[in-house]
Amino acid sequence: MLNKFFALLVTALGGMLFGFGLALSTMVSPEVVLSFLQLQDFGLMLVMGGAVAVTLVAYQLAPRLLKRPLFGGTFATREAQLDLKTLVGAAIFGLGWGICGVCPGPAIASLGVGNLDMLWALTGILVGAYAQGLLADILDKARNAAD
């Protein structure tokens, strides 16, 4: 019980740190993101590059320094799959990000800085995710019926 509470506490603190970092880097502002995507402001590239570097180091060092993850389970690698679903999903995500400058993580974090207009973007993200799930189910059923 204590281990689950500690895991939840660490997760919450990690989420708050992540949100604080997004707010501090101004990634919660769609205008800043759009200026980055239009190649006018490269400040976010430093933020994303720093995040990738920290993640790379953590993913390389953690399995070497720890026998198992702190909250149970095992370290494992998973084969990445580059298939049509991944490409279509990435394209749709990229189009949405490019059109409105909003990504799910920063959108949630921007609520914490009082940007309640992000509720519209988050509603669109949720509706899009739900629609994608419905469409995937329909296509899977159609594919299984054809087999």
N, C-alpha and C. Protein backbone atom coordinates (compact mmCIF):
# COMPACT_ATOMS: atom_id res chain seq x y z
N MET A 1 0.83 -1.20 0.00
CA MET A 1 0.00 0.00 0.00
C MET A 1 0.87 1.26 0.00
N LEU A 2 1.90 1.25 0.84
CA LEU A 2 2.80 2.39 0.92
C LEU A 2 3.56 2.58 -0.39
N ASN A 3 3.94 1.46 -1.02
CA ASN A 3 4.66 1.53 -2.29
C ASN A 3 3.79 2.16 -3.38
N LYS A 4 2.48 1.82 -3.41
CA LYS A 4 1.58 2.41 -4.40
C LYS A 4 1.40 3.91 -4.14
N PHE A 5 1.27 4.28 -2.88
CA PHE A 5 1.15 5.70 -2.53
C PHE A 5 2.41 6.45 -2.95
N PHE A 6 3.58 5.88 -2.67
CA PHE A 6 4.84 6.52 -3.03
C PHE A 6 4.96 6.65 -4.55
N ALA A 7 4.55 5.60 -5.28
CA ALA A 7 4.58 5.65 -6.74
C ALA A 7 3.66 6.75 -7.26
N LEU A 8 2.48 6.87 -6.68
CA LEU A 8 1.53 7.92 -7.07
C LEU A 8 2.09 9.30 -6.77
N LEU A 9 2.72 9.45 -5.61
CA LEU A 9 3.31 10.73 -5.23
C LEU A 9 4.44 11.12 -6.19
N VAL A 10 5.30 10.18 -6.51
CA VAL A 10 6.40 10.46 -7.44
C VAL A 10 5.85 10.81 -8.82
N THR A 11 4.81 10.10 -9.25
CA THR A 11 4.18 10.39 -10.54
C THR A 11 3.59 11.79 -10.55
N ALA A 12 2.89 12.16 -9.49
CA ALA A 12 2.29 13.50 -9.39
C ALA A 12 3.38 14.57 -9.39
N LEU A 13 4.44 14.36 -8.63
CA LEU A 13 5.54 15.34 -8.60
C LEU A 13 6.21 15.44 -9.97
N GLY A 14 6.38 14.31 -10.64
CA GLY A 14 6.95 14.33 -11.98
C GLY A 14 6.07 15.09 -12.96
N GLY A 15 4.76 14.89 -12.85
CA GLY A 15 3.82 15.61 -13.70
C GLY A 15 3.85 17.11 -13.45
N MET A 16 3.94 17.49 -12.17
CA MET A 16 4.02 18.92 -11.84
C MET A 16 5.33 19.53 -12.36
N LEU A 17 6.41 18.80 -12.22
CA LEU A 17 7.70 19.28 -12.74
C LEU A 17 7.64 19.43 -14.26
N PHE A 18 7.03 18.45 -14.93
CA PHE A 18 6.88 18.51 -16.38
C PHE A 18 6.04 19.72 -16.78
N GLY A 19 4.91 19.92 -16.10
CA GLY A 19 4.05 21.07 -16.39
C GLY A 19 4.76 22.39 -16.14
N PHE A 20 5.51 22.46 -15.03
CA PHE A 20 6.28 23.67 -14.73
C PHE A 20 7.30 23.94 -15.83
N GLY A 21 7.97 22.88 -16.28
CA GLY A 21 8.96 23.05 -17.35
C GLY A 21 8.32 23.53 -18.64
N LEU A 22 7.14 22.99 -18.96
CA LEU A 22 6.43 23.44 -20.17
C LEU A 22 6.02 24.91 -20.04
N ALA A 23 5.55 25.30 -18.87
CA ALA A 23 5.15 26.70 -18.67
C ALA A 23 6.37 27.62 -18.70
N LEU A 24 7.45 27.22 -18.04
CA LEU A 24 8.66 28.03 -18.01
C LEU A 24 9.25 28.21 -19.41
N SER A 25 9.17 27.16 -20.22
CA SER A 25 9.74 27.23 -21.57
C SER A 25 8.80 27.92 -22.55
N THR A 26 7.66 28.35 -22.11
CA THR A 26 6.60 29.00 -22.90
C THR A 26 5.99 28.07 -23.95
N MET A 27 6.18 26.76 -23.79
CA MET A 27 5.59 25.81 -24.73
C MET A 27 4.07 25.72 -24.55
N VAL A 28 3.53 26.33 -23.50
CA VAL A 28 2.09 26.33 -23.28
C VAL A 28 1.41 27.43 -24.10
N SER A 29 2.19 28.24 -24.78
CA SER A 29 1.64 29.32 -25.59
C SER A 29 1.60 28.91 -27.06
N PRO A 30 0.41 28.76 -27.63
CA PRO A 30 0.31 28.37 -29.04
C PRO A 30 1.05 29.32 -29.98
N GLU A 31 1.10 30.61 -29.62
CA GLU A 31 1.79 31.57 -30.48
C GLU A 31 3.29 31.26 -30.56
N VAL A 32 3.87 30.87 -29.44
CA VAL A 32 5.29 30.52 -29.41
C VAL A 32 5.54 29.25 -30.22
N VAL A 33 4.66 28.26 -30.05
CA VAL A 33 4.80 27.00 -30.78
C VAL A 33 4.66 27.25 -32.28
N LEU A 34 3.68 28.05 -32.68
CA LEU A 34 3.50 28.33 -34.10
C LEU A 34 4.68 29.09 -34.69
N SER A 35 5.27 30.00 -33.93
CA SER A 35 6.45 30.71 -34.46
C SER A 35 7.62 29.75 -34.59
N PHE A 36 7.71 28.76 -33.72
CA PHE A 36 8.73 27.72 -33.85
C PHE A 36 8.48 26.88 -35.11
N LEU A 37 7.22 26.47 -35.30
CA LEU A 37 6.89 25.64 -36.46
C LEU A 37 7.05 26.40 -37.78
N GLN A 38 6.96 27.72 -37.73
CA GLN A 38 7.16 28.54 -38.93
C GLN A 38 8.63 28.94 -39.10
N LEU A 39 9.50 28.33 -38.29
CA LEU A 39 10.95 28.56 -38.35
C LEU A 39 11.33 30.01 -38.07
N GLN A 40 10.57 30.67 -37.19
CA GLN A 40 10.86 32.05 -36.82
C GLN A 40 11.51 32.16 -35.44
N ASP A 41 11.34 31.13 -34.60
CA ASP A 41 11.87 31.15 -33.25
C ASP A 41 12.35 29.74 -32.91
N PHE A 42 13.64 29.62 -32.61
CA PHE A 42 14.21 28.29 -32.38
C PHE A 42 14.42 27.98 -30.90
N GLY A 43 13.85 28.79 -30.02
CA GLY A 43 13.99 28.55 -28.58
C GLY A 43 13.43 27.21 -28.15
N LEU A 44 12.30 26.80 -28.74
CA LEU A 44 11.71 25.52 -28.37
C LEU A 44 12.55 24.34 -28.83
N MET A 45 13.37 24.55 -29.86
CA MET A 45 14.25 23.47 -30.30
C MET A 45 15.25 23.14 -29.18
N LEU A 46 15.72 24.15 -28.48
CA LEU A 46 16.61 23.92 -27.35
C LEU A 46 15.89 23.16 -26.24
N VAL A 47 14.64 23.52 -25.99
CA VAL A 47 13.85 22.84 -24.96
C VAL A 47 13.66 21.37 -25.33
N MET A 48 13.24 21.12 -26.56
CA MET A 48 13.02 19.74 -26.99
C MET A 48 14.33 18.96 -27.06
N GLY A 49 15.38 19.60 -27.52
CA GLY A 49 16.69 18.94 -27.55
C GLY A 49 17.17 18.57 -26.17
N GLY A 50 16.97 19.46 -25.21
CA GLY A 50 17.33 19.16 -23.82
C GLY A 50 16.52 18.00 -23.27
N ALA A 51 15.23 17.97 -23.58
CA ALA A 51 14.38 16.88 -23.11
C ALA A 51 14.80 15.55 -23.73
N VAL A 52 15.12 15.56 -25.01
CA VAL A 52 15.57 14.32 -25.67
C VAL A 52 16.89 13.85 -25.07
N ALA A 53 17.80 14.77 -24.80
CA ALA A 53 19.11 14.40 -24.23
C ALA A 53 18.95 13.79 -22.84
N VAL A 54 18.13 14.41 -21.99
CA VAL A 54 17.91 13.87 -20.64
C VAL A 54 17.25 12.50 -20.71
N THR A 55 16.26 12.35 -21.58
CA THR A 55 15.58 11.06 -21.73
C THR A 55 16.54 9.98 -22.23
N LEU A 56 17.37 10.33 -23.20
CA LEU A 56 18.33 9.37 -23.74
C LEU A 56 19.29 8.89 -22.66
N VAL A 57 19.81 9.81 -21.88
CA VAL A 57 20.73 9.44 -20.80
C VAL A 57 20.01 8.57 -19.77
N ALA A 58 18.78 8.95 -19.39
CA ALA A 58 18.03 8.19 -18.39
C ALA A 58 17.74 6.78 -18.89
N TYR A 59 17.33 6.65 -20.14
CA TYR A 59 17.01 5.33 -20.68
C TYR A 59 18.25 4.45 -20.83
N GLN A 60 19.40 5.06 -21.02
CA GLN A 60 20.63 4.28 -21.12
C GLN A 60 21.19 3.92 -19.75
N LEU A 61 21.11 4.85 -18.79
CA LEU A 61 21.72 4.62 -17.49
C LEU A 61 20.85 3.82 -16.51
N ALA A 62 19.56 4.05 -16.52
CA ALA A 62 18.69 3.40 -15.53
C ALA A 62 18.83 1.88 -15.52
N PRO A 63 18.76 1.20 -16.67
CA PRO A 63 18.90 -0.26 -16.62
C PRO A 63 20.30 -0.72 -16.16
N ARG A 64 21.29 0.11 -16.35
CA ARG A 64 22.65 -0.26 -15.93
C ARG A 64 22.88 -0.02 -14.45
N LEU A 65 22.21 0.98 -13.89
CA LEU A 65 22.42 1.32 -12.48
C LEU A 65 21.45 0.63 -11.54
N LEU A 66 20.29 0.26 -12.04
CA LEU A 66 19.26 -0.36 -11.21
C LEU A 66 19.01 -1.79 -11.68
N LYS A 67 18.76 -2.69 -10.75
CA LYS A 67 18.45 -4.07 -11.13
C LYS A 67 17.05 -4.18 -11.72
N ARG A 68 16.15 -3.35 -11.21
CA ARG A 68 14.77 -3.32 -11.71
C ARG A 68 14.22 -1.91 -11.51
N PRO A 69 13.15 -1.55 -12.21
CA PRO A 69 12.55 -0.23 -12.00
C PRO A 69 12.14 -0.02 -10.54
N LEU A 70 12.15 1.21 -10.10
CA LEU A 70 11.89 1.53 -8.70
C LEU A 70 10.54 1.03 -8.20
N PHE A 71 9.54 1.02 -9.05
CA PHE A 71 8.20 0.65 -8.61
C PHE A 71 7.74 -0.68 -9.17
N GLY A 72 8.68 -1.58 -9.44
CA GLY A 72 8.34 -2.93 -9.88
C GLY A 72 8.43 -3.11 -11.37
N GLY A 73 8.27 -4.35 -11.77
CA GLY A 73 8.35 -4.68 -13.19
C GLY A 73 9.79 -4.94 -13.59
N THR A 74 10.01 -4.93 -14.88
CA THR A 74 11.35 -5.17 -15.42
C THR A 74 11.64 -4.16 -16.52
N PHE A 75 12.92 -3.95 -16.77
CA PHE A 75 13.32 -3.14 -17.91
C PHE A 75 13.21 -4.01 -19.16
N ALA A 76 12.67 -3.48 -20.21
CA ALA A 76 12.54 -4.24 -21.45
C ALA A 76 12.57 -3.28 -22.63
N THR A 77 13.00 -3.79 -23.74
CA THR A 77 12.93 -3.01 -24.98
C THR A 77 11.72 -3.50 -25.77
N ARG A 78 11.19 -2.62 -26.54
CA ARG A 78 10.04 -2.95 -27.35
C ARG A 78 10.36 -2.55 -28.78
N GLU A 79 10.11 -3.45 -29.68
CA GLU A 79 10.38 -3.19 -31.09
C GLU A 79 9.40 -2.13 -31.60
N ALA A 80 9.93 -1.08 -32.17
CA ALA A 80 9.08 -0.04 -32.74
C ALA A 80 8.53 -0.51 -34.08
N GLN A 81 7.28 -0.19 -34.33
CA GLN A 81 6.66 -0.58 -35.59
C GLN A 81 6.32 0.66 -36.39
N LEU A 82 6.86 0.74 -37.58
CA LEU A 82 6.52 1.83 -38.48
C LEU A 82 5.57 1.27 -39.52
N ASP A 83 4.28 1.44 -39.26
CA ASP A 83 3.28 0.93 -40.18
C ASP A 83 2.35 2.06 -40.62
N LEU A 84 1.38 1.73 -41.40
CA LEU A 84 0.47 2.74 -41.94
C LEU A 84 -0.28 3.48 -40.83
N LYS A 85 -0.71 2.76 -39.79
CA LYS A 85 -1.43 3.41 -38.68
C LYS A 85 -0.55 4.47 -38.01
N THR A 86 0.73 4.13 -37.81
CA THR A 86 1.64 5.07 -37.17
C THR A 86 1.84 6.29 -38.05
N LEU A 87 2.04 6.08 -39.34
CA LEU A 87 2.27 7.20 -40.25
C LEU A 87 1.04 8.11 -40.36
N VAL A 88 -0.13 7.50 -40.46
CA VAL A 88 -1.36 8.30 -40.55
C VAL A 88 -1.59 9.06 -39.24
N GLY A 89 -1.40 8.39 -38.12
CA GLY A 89 -1.57 9.05 -36.82
C GLY A 89 -0.59 10.21 -36.66
N ALA A 90 0.66 10.00 -37.05
CA ALA A 90 1.66 11.07 -36.95
C ALA A 90 1.30 12.24 -37.86
N ALA A 91 0.80 11.94 -39.04
CA ALA A 91 0.42 13.01 -39.97
C ALA A 91 -0.76 13.82 -39.42
N ILE A 92 -1.75 13.14 -38.88
CA ILE A 92 -2.91 13.84 -38.30
C ILE A 92 -2.49 14.68 -37.10
N PHE A 93 -1.66 14.09 -36.23
CA PHE A 93 -1.16 14.84 -35.07
C PHE A 93 -0.38 16.06 -35.53
N GLY A 94 0.50 15.89 -36.50
CA GLY A 94 1.31 17.00 -37.00
C GLY A 94 0.47 18.09 -37.63
N LEU A 95 -0.55 17.72 -38.38
CA LEU A 95 -1.45 18.72 -38.97
C LEU A 95 -2.17 19.51 -37.88
N GLY A 96 -2.70 18.79 -36.90
CA GLY A 96 -3.40 19.48 -35.80
C GLY A 96 -2.47 20.40 -35.03
N TRP A 97 -1.26 19.93 -34.77
CA TRP A 97 -0.27 20.74 -34.05
C TRP A 97 0.09 21.97 -34.88
N GLY A 98 0.28 21.78 -36.18
CA GLY A 98 0.65 22.90 -37.05
C GLY A 98 -0.46 23.91 -37.24
N ILE A 99 -1.70 23.44 -37.25
CA ILE A 99 -2.82 24.36 -37.45
C ILE A 99 -3.07 25.22 -36.22
N CYS A 100 -3.05 24.59 -35.03
CA CYS A 100 -3.42 25.37 -33.84
C CYS A 100 -2.28 25.58 -32.85
N GLY A 101 -1.13 24.91 -33.03
CA GLY A 101 0.00 25.10 -32.13
C GLY A 101 -0.22 24.51 -30.75
N VAL A 102 -1.08 23.49 -30.67
CA VAL A 102 -1.40 22.90 -29.38
C VAL A 102 -1.08 21.41 -29.40
N CYS A 103 -0.37 20.98 -28.38
CA CYS A 103 -0.01 19.59 -28.16
C CYS A 103 -0.70 19.18 -26.84
N PRO A 104 -1.10 17.92 -26.67
CA PRO A 104 -1.87 17.56 -25.47
C PRO A 104 -1.19 17.91 -24.14
N GLY A 105 0.08 17.60 -23.98
CA GLY A 105 0.77 17.90 -22.71
C GLY A 105 0.78 19.37 -22.38
N PRO A 106 1.28 20.21 -23.29
CA PRO A 106 1.26 21.65 -23.03
C PRO A 106 -0.16 22.21 -22.87
N ALA A 107 -1.14 21.63 -23.56
CA ALA A 107 -2.51 22.12 -23.42
C ALA A 107 -3.00 21.91 -21.99
N ILE A 108 -2.71 20.75 -21.41
CA ILE A 108 -3.11 20.49 -20.03
C ILE A 108 -2.33 21.41 -19.09
N ALA A 109 -1.03 21.56 -19.35
CA ALA A 109 -0.21 22.43 -18.50
C ALA A 109 -0.67 23.88 -18.59
N SER A 110 -1.15 24.31 -19.75
CA SER A 110 -1.58 25.70 -19.89
C SER A 110 -2.84 25.99 -19.07
N LEU A 111 -3.61 24.95 -18.76
CA LEU A 111 -4.75 25.15 -17.85
C LEU A 111 -4.25 25.59 -16.49
N GLY A 112 -3.08 25.07 -16.11
CA GLY A 112 -2.49 25.42 -14.82
C GLY A 112 -2.03 26.86 -14.74
N VAL A 113 -1.78 27.48 -15.89
CA VAL A 113 -1.39 28.89 -15.88
C VAL A 113 -2.58 29.79 -16.19
N GLY A 114 -3.79 29.19 -16.19
CA GLY A 114 -5.01 29.98 -16.33
C GLY A 114 -5.51 30.17 -17.74
N ASN A 115 -4.97 29.46 -18.72
CA ASN A 115 -5.42 29.61 -20.10
C ASN A 115 -6.60 28.66 -20.34
N LEU A 116 -7.78 29.09 -19.94
CA LEU A 116 -8.96 28.24 -20.03
C LEU A 116 -9.46 28.06 -21.46
N ASP A 117 -8.97 28.87 -22.40
CA ASP A 117 -9.32 28.67 -23.81
C ASP A 117 -8.81 27.31 -24.31
N MET A 118 -7.82 26.76 -23.62
CA MET A 118 -7.28 25.45 -24.01
C MET A 118 -8.30 24.34 -23.84
N LEU A 119 -9.37 24.60 -23.08
CA LEU A 119 -10.42 23.59 -22.96
C LEU A 119 -11.02 23.26 -24.31
N TRP A 120 -11.10 24.25 -25.21
CA TRP A 120 -11.58 24.00 -26.58
C TRP A 120 -10.63 23.06 -27.31
N ALA A 121 -9.34 23.33 -27.21
CA ALA A 121 -8.36 22.48 -27.88
C ALA A 121 -8.38 21.07 -27.29
N LEU A 122 -8.45 20.97 -25.97
CA LEU A 122 -8.49 19.65 -25.33
C LEU A 122 -9.76 18.89 -25.71
N THR A 123 -10.87 19.59 -25.85
CA THR A 123 -12.10 18.94 -26.30
C THR A 123 -11.90 18.39 -27.71
N GLY A 124 -11.29 19.17 -28.57
CA GLY A 124 -11.00 18.70 -29.93
C GLY A 124 -10.07 17.50 -29.94
N ILE A 125 -9.06 17.52 -29.07
CA ILE A 125 -8.13 16.40 -28.97
C ILE A 125 -8.87 15.14 -28.53
N LEU A 126 -9.73 15.28 -27.52
CA LEU A 126 -10.48 14.12 -27.02
C LEU A 126 -11.46 13.59 -28.06
N VAL A 127 -12.15 14.48 -28.76
CA VAL A 127 -13.09 14.06 -29.81
C VAL A 127 -12.32 13.35 -30.93
N GLY A 128 -11.18 13.91 -31.31
CA GLY A 128 -10.37 13.28 -32.35
C GLY A 128 -9.86 11.91 -31.95
N ALA A 129 -9.41 11.77 -30.71
CA ALA A 129 -8.93 10.47 -30.23
C ALA A 129 -10.07 9.46 -30.19
N TYR A 130 -11.23 9.89 -29.75
CA TYR A 130 -12.39 9.00 -29.71
C TYR A 130 -12.79 8.58 -31.12
N ALA A 131 -12.83 9.53 -32.05
CA ALA A 131 -13.18 9.22 -33.44
C ALA A 131 -12.16 8.26 -34.05
N GLN A 132 -10.90 8.45 -33.74
CA GLN A 132 -9.87 7.54 -34.26
C GLN A 132 -10.09 6.13 -33.73
N GLY A 133 -10.44 6.00 -32.44
CA GLY A 133 -10.72 4.70 -31.86
C GLY A 133 -11.90 4.02 -32.52
N LEU A 134 -12.96 4.78 -32.77
CA LEU A 134 -14.13 4.22 -33.46
C LEU A 134 -13.77 3.78 -34.87
N LEU A 135 -13.03 4.62 -35.59
CA LEU A 135 -12.64 4.29 -36.95
C LEU A 135 -11.73 3.06 -36.99
N ALA A 136 -10.81 2.96 -36.05
CA ALA A 136 -9.92 1.80 -35.99
C ALA A 136 -10.73 0.53 -35.74
N ASP A 137 -11.73 0.59 -34.85
CA ASP A 137 -12.57 -0.58 -34.59
C ASP A 137 -13.35 -0.98 -35.84
N ILE A 138 -13.91 -0.01 -36.53
CA ILE A 138 -14.66 -0.29 -37.74
C ILE A 138 -13.76 -0.94 -38.80
N LEU A 139 -12.57 -0.39 -38.99
CA LEU A 139 -11.65 -0.94 -39.98
C LEU A 139 -11.18 -2.34 -39.59
N ASP A 140 -10.92 -2.56 -38.30
CA ASP A 140 -10.53 -3.90 -37.84
C ASP A 140 -11.63 -4.92 -38.08
N LYS A 141 -12.88 -4.54 -37.76
CA LYS A 141 -14.00 -5.45 -37.98
C LYS A 141 -14.19 -5.75 -39.47
N ALA A 142 -14.02 -4.72 -40.30
CA ALA A 142 -14.16 -4.92 -41.75
C ALA A 142 -13.04 -5.82 -42.27
N ARG A 143 -11.83 -5.62 -41.75
CA ARG A 143 -10.70 -6.44 -42.18
C ARG A 143 -10.87 -7.89 -41.73
N ASN A 144 -11.36 -8.09 -40.51
CA ASN A 144 -11.59 -9.45 -40.00
C ASN A 144 -12.72 -10.14 -40.75
N ALA A 145 -13.75 -9.39 -41.14
CA ALA A 145 -14.87 -9.97 -41.89
C ALA A 145 -14.42 -10.38 -43.28
N ALA A 146 -13.48 -9.63 -43.87
CA ALA A 146 -12.98 -9.95 -45.21
C ALA A 146 -12.09 -11.18 -45.20
N ASP A 147 -11.46 -11.46 -44.06
CA ASP A 147 -10.57 -12.64 -43.96
C ASP A 147 -11.37 -13.86 -43.78
